[in-house]
Amino acid sequence: MKPILLLGADNKDNLILILAGYQEEMNLFLQTNPGLRSRFPIHINFPDYKTSELMEIAEIMLKQRQYVLTYDAYHKLNCLIEENLISGHRYSGNARMIRNIIEKLLRQQAVRLMNLSNITREELMTITEDDFRFEHRKRLIEN
């Protein structure tokens, strides 16, 4: 941290330093050095995403990887997100939770497809409700 503080002090007229993180962790970080809070006087808190916004993020992530959700899988994902927003999961209102869900769904889909033969391209690119196995729901959102 000392090199960053020195860099900021030496270049205070032509340098903008932005720190980003979760509010609780940033507060702890700013408490580690008595001078940090005064060196970073502007704090902007961003609200968590809403379910509809998280669904848009999920669709973008899936589209980038050329995956699609079936109608039922779309609704299961929406319910899973909503349940986590209501339950107050630590990262329930951010894109990290969505990325974790998508990555675990893709792994779950791969396991499901291992048992099939003559898999089509469409099957390879489709996430179904079977990829939301109830016994794995808790593990889908953690980590």
Protein backbone atom coordinates (compact mmCIF):
# COMPACT_ATOMS: atom_id res chain seq x y z
CA MET A 1 0.00 0.00 0.00
CA LYS A 2 2.88 2.34 0.72
CA PRO A 3 3.98 2.54 -2.98
CA ILE A 4 0.43 3.45 -3.99
CA LEU A 5 0.25 6.18 -1.36
CA LEU A 6 3.62 7.56 -2.48
CA LEU A 7 2.55 7.48 -6.12
CA GLY A 8 -0.63 9.34 -5.21
CA ALA A 9 1.21 11.94 -3.15
CA ASP A 10 3.87 12.53 -5.82
CA ASN A 11 1.28 12.86 -8.60
CA LYS A 12 -1.74 14.28 -6.83
CA ASP A 13 -2.38 16.89 -9.54
CA ASN A 14 -2.42 14.50 -12.50
CA LEU A 15 -3.47 11.12 -11.11
CA ILE A 16 -6.85 9.70 -10.20
CA LEU A 17 -6.78 6.49 -8.21
CA ILE A 18 -9.98 4.48 -7.96
CA LEU A 19 -10.41 1.68 -5.45
CA ALA A 20 -13.31 -0.68 -5.96
CA GLY A 21 -14.72 -3.47 -3.85
CA TYR A 22 -17.54 -4.58 -1.65
CA GLN A 23 -18.57 -1.98 0.90
CA GLU A 24 -17.72 -4.01 4.00
CA GLU A 25 -14.32 -5.10 2.69
CA MET A 26 -13.48 -1.56 1.52
CA ASN A 27 -14.33 -0.16 4.96
CA LEU A 28 -12.01 -2.71 6.56
CA PHE A 29 -9.29 -1.85 4.05
CA LEU A 30 -9.60 1.89 4.72
CA GLN A 31 -9.23 1.20 8.45
CA THR A 32 -5.85 -0.52 7.95
CA ASN A 33 -4.05 2.82 7.69
CA PRO A 34 -5.13 6.00 9.49
CA GLY A 35 -4.43 8.17 6.44
CA LEU A 36 -6.29 6.10 3.85
CA ARG A 37 -9.78 7.43 4.51
CA SER A 38 -8.64 11.04 4.07
CA ARG A 39 -6.77 10.16 0.86
CA PHE A 40 -9.93 8.59 -0.59
CA PRO A 41 -12.64 11.01 0.55
CA ILE A 42 -15.21 10.23 -2.14
CA HIS A 43 -17.17 7.00 -1.72
CA ILE A 44 -19.79 5.83 -4.18
CA ASN A 45 -21.99 2.89 -3.25
CA PHE A 46 -23.71 1.07 -6.08
CA PRO A 47 -26.96 -0.78 -5.38
CA ASP A 48 -27.24 -4.48 -6.05
CA TYR A 49 -28.67 -5.53 -9.39
CA LYS A 50 -32.36 -6.44 -9.61
CA THR A 51 -33.49 -9.88 -10.76
CA SER A 52 -34.29 -8.61 -14.27
CA GLU A 53 -30.83 -7.04 -14.57
CA LEU A 54 -29.13 -10.22 -13.36
CA MET A 55 -31.13 -12.22 -15.90
CA GLU A 56 -29.90 -9.88 -18.64
CA ILE A 57 -26.33 -10.39 -17.46
CA ALA A 58 -26.84 -14.18 -17.49
CA GLU A 59 -28.24 -14.06 -21.01
CA ILE A 60 -25.27 -11.99 -22.20
CA MET A 61 -22.79 -14.39 -20.59
CA LEU A 62 -24.52 -17.38 -22.15
CA LYS A 63 -24.80 -15.73 -25.56
CA GLN A 64 -21.07 -14.90 -25.53
CA ARG A 65 -20.43 -18.62 -25.11
CA GLN A 66 -23.14 -19.49 -27.67
CA TYR A 67 -25.41 -21.18 -25.13
CA VAL A 68 -29.16 -20.84 -24.81
CA LEU A 69 -31.61 -21.59 -22.04
CA THR A 70 -34.76 -23.58 -22.62
CA TYR A 71 -37.98 -21.90 -21.53
CA ASP A 72 -38.07 -23.98 -18.33
CA ALA A 73 -34.37 -23.38 -17.61
CA TYR A 74 -34.88 -19.63 -18.02
CA HIS A 75 -37.62 -19.70 -15.39
CA LYS A 76 -35.58 -21.90 -13.04
CA LEU A 77 -32.67 -19.48 -13.29
CA ASN A 78 -34.99 -16.56 -12.61
CA CYS A 79 -36.39 -18.34 -9.52
CA LEU A 80 -32.89 -19.23 -8.30
CA ILE A 81 -31.78 -15.61 -8.57
CA GLU A 82 -34.94 -14.36 -6.88
CA GLU A 83 -34.53 -16.86 -4.02
CA ASN A 84 -30.97 -15.68 -3.44
CA LEU A 85 -31.92 -12.01 -3.50
CA ILE A 86 -34.60 -12.69 -0.91
CA SER A 87 -32.37 -14.89 1.27
CA GLY A 88 -29.59 -12.30 1.25
CA HIS A 89 -26.81 -14.49 -0.15
CA ARG A 90 -23.53 -12.57 0.23
CA TYR A 91 -23.10 -11.91 -3.49
CA SER A 92 -26.75 -12.14 -4.47
CA GLY A 93 -26.94 -8.79 -6.20
CA ASN A 94 -23.88 -8.91 -8.37
CA ALA A 95 -22.58 -10.42 -11.56
CA ARG A 96 -20.12 -12.69 -9.72
CA MET A 97 -23.02 -14.79 -8.47
CA ILE A 98 -24.33 -15.03 -12.03
CA ARG A 99 -20.92 -16.00 -13.41
CA ASN A 100 -20.62 -18.72 -10.74
CA ILE A 101 -24.09 -20.05 -11.53
CA ILE A 102 -23.40 -20.09 -15.28
CA GLU A 103 -20.06 -21.86 -14.86
CA LYS A 104 -21.57 -24.50 -12.61
CA LEU A 105 -24.54 -24.96 -14.93
CA LEU A 106 -22.16 -25.57 -17.83
CA ARG A 107 -20.31 -28.20 -15.80
CA GLN A 108 -23.62 -29.76 -14.77
CA GLN A 109 -24.71 -29.79 -18.40
CA ALA A 110 -21.48 -31.55 -19.40
CA VAL A 111 -22.09 -34.25 -16.79
CA ARG A 112 -25.66 -34.69 -18.06
CA LEU A 113 -24.50 -34.99 -21.67
CA MET A 114 -21.84 -37.60 -20.83
CA ASN A 115 -24.62 -40.17 -20.57
CA LEU A 116 -25.96 -39.47 -24.06
CA SER A 117 -24.78 -40.79 -27.38
CA ASN A 118 -24.95 -38.99 -30.72
CA ILE A 119 -25.14 -35.55 -29.13
CA THR A 120 -26.28 -32.80 -31.48
CA ARG A 121 -24.84 -29.30 -31.66
CA GLU A 122 -28.14 -27.98 -30.32
CA GLU A 123 -27.91 -30.25 -27.27
CA LEU A 124 -24.32 -29.10 -26.69
CA MET A 125 -25.41 -25.47 -26.68
CA THR A 126 -28.60 -25.78 -24.63
CA ILE A 127 -29.00 -25.50 -20.88
CA THR A 128 -32.10 -27.35 -19.70
CA GLU A 129 -33.99 -27.56 -16.42
CA ASP A 130 -32.19 -30.87 -15.80
CA ASP A 131 -29.01 -28.84 -15.26
CA PHE A 132 -30.66 -27.33 -12.17
CA ARG A 133 -30.77 -30.49 -10.11
CA PHE A 134 -32.31 -29.66 -6.75
CA GLU A 135 -29.62 -31.44 -4.76
CA HIS A 136 -27.01 -29.16 -6.37
CA ARG A 137 -28.83 -25.85 -5.92
CA LYS A 138 -26.94 -24.74 -2.83
CA ARG A 139 -23.61 -25.54 -4.48
CA LEU A 140 -24.62 -23.62 -7.61
CA ILE A 141 -24.46 -20.30 -5.81
CA GLU A 142 -21.62 -20.79 -3.35
CA ASN A 143 -17.93 -20.02 -3.98
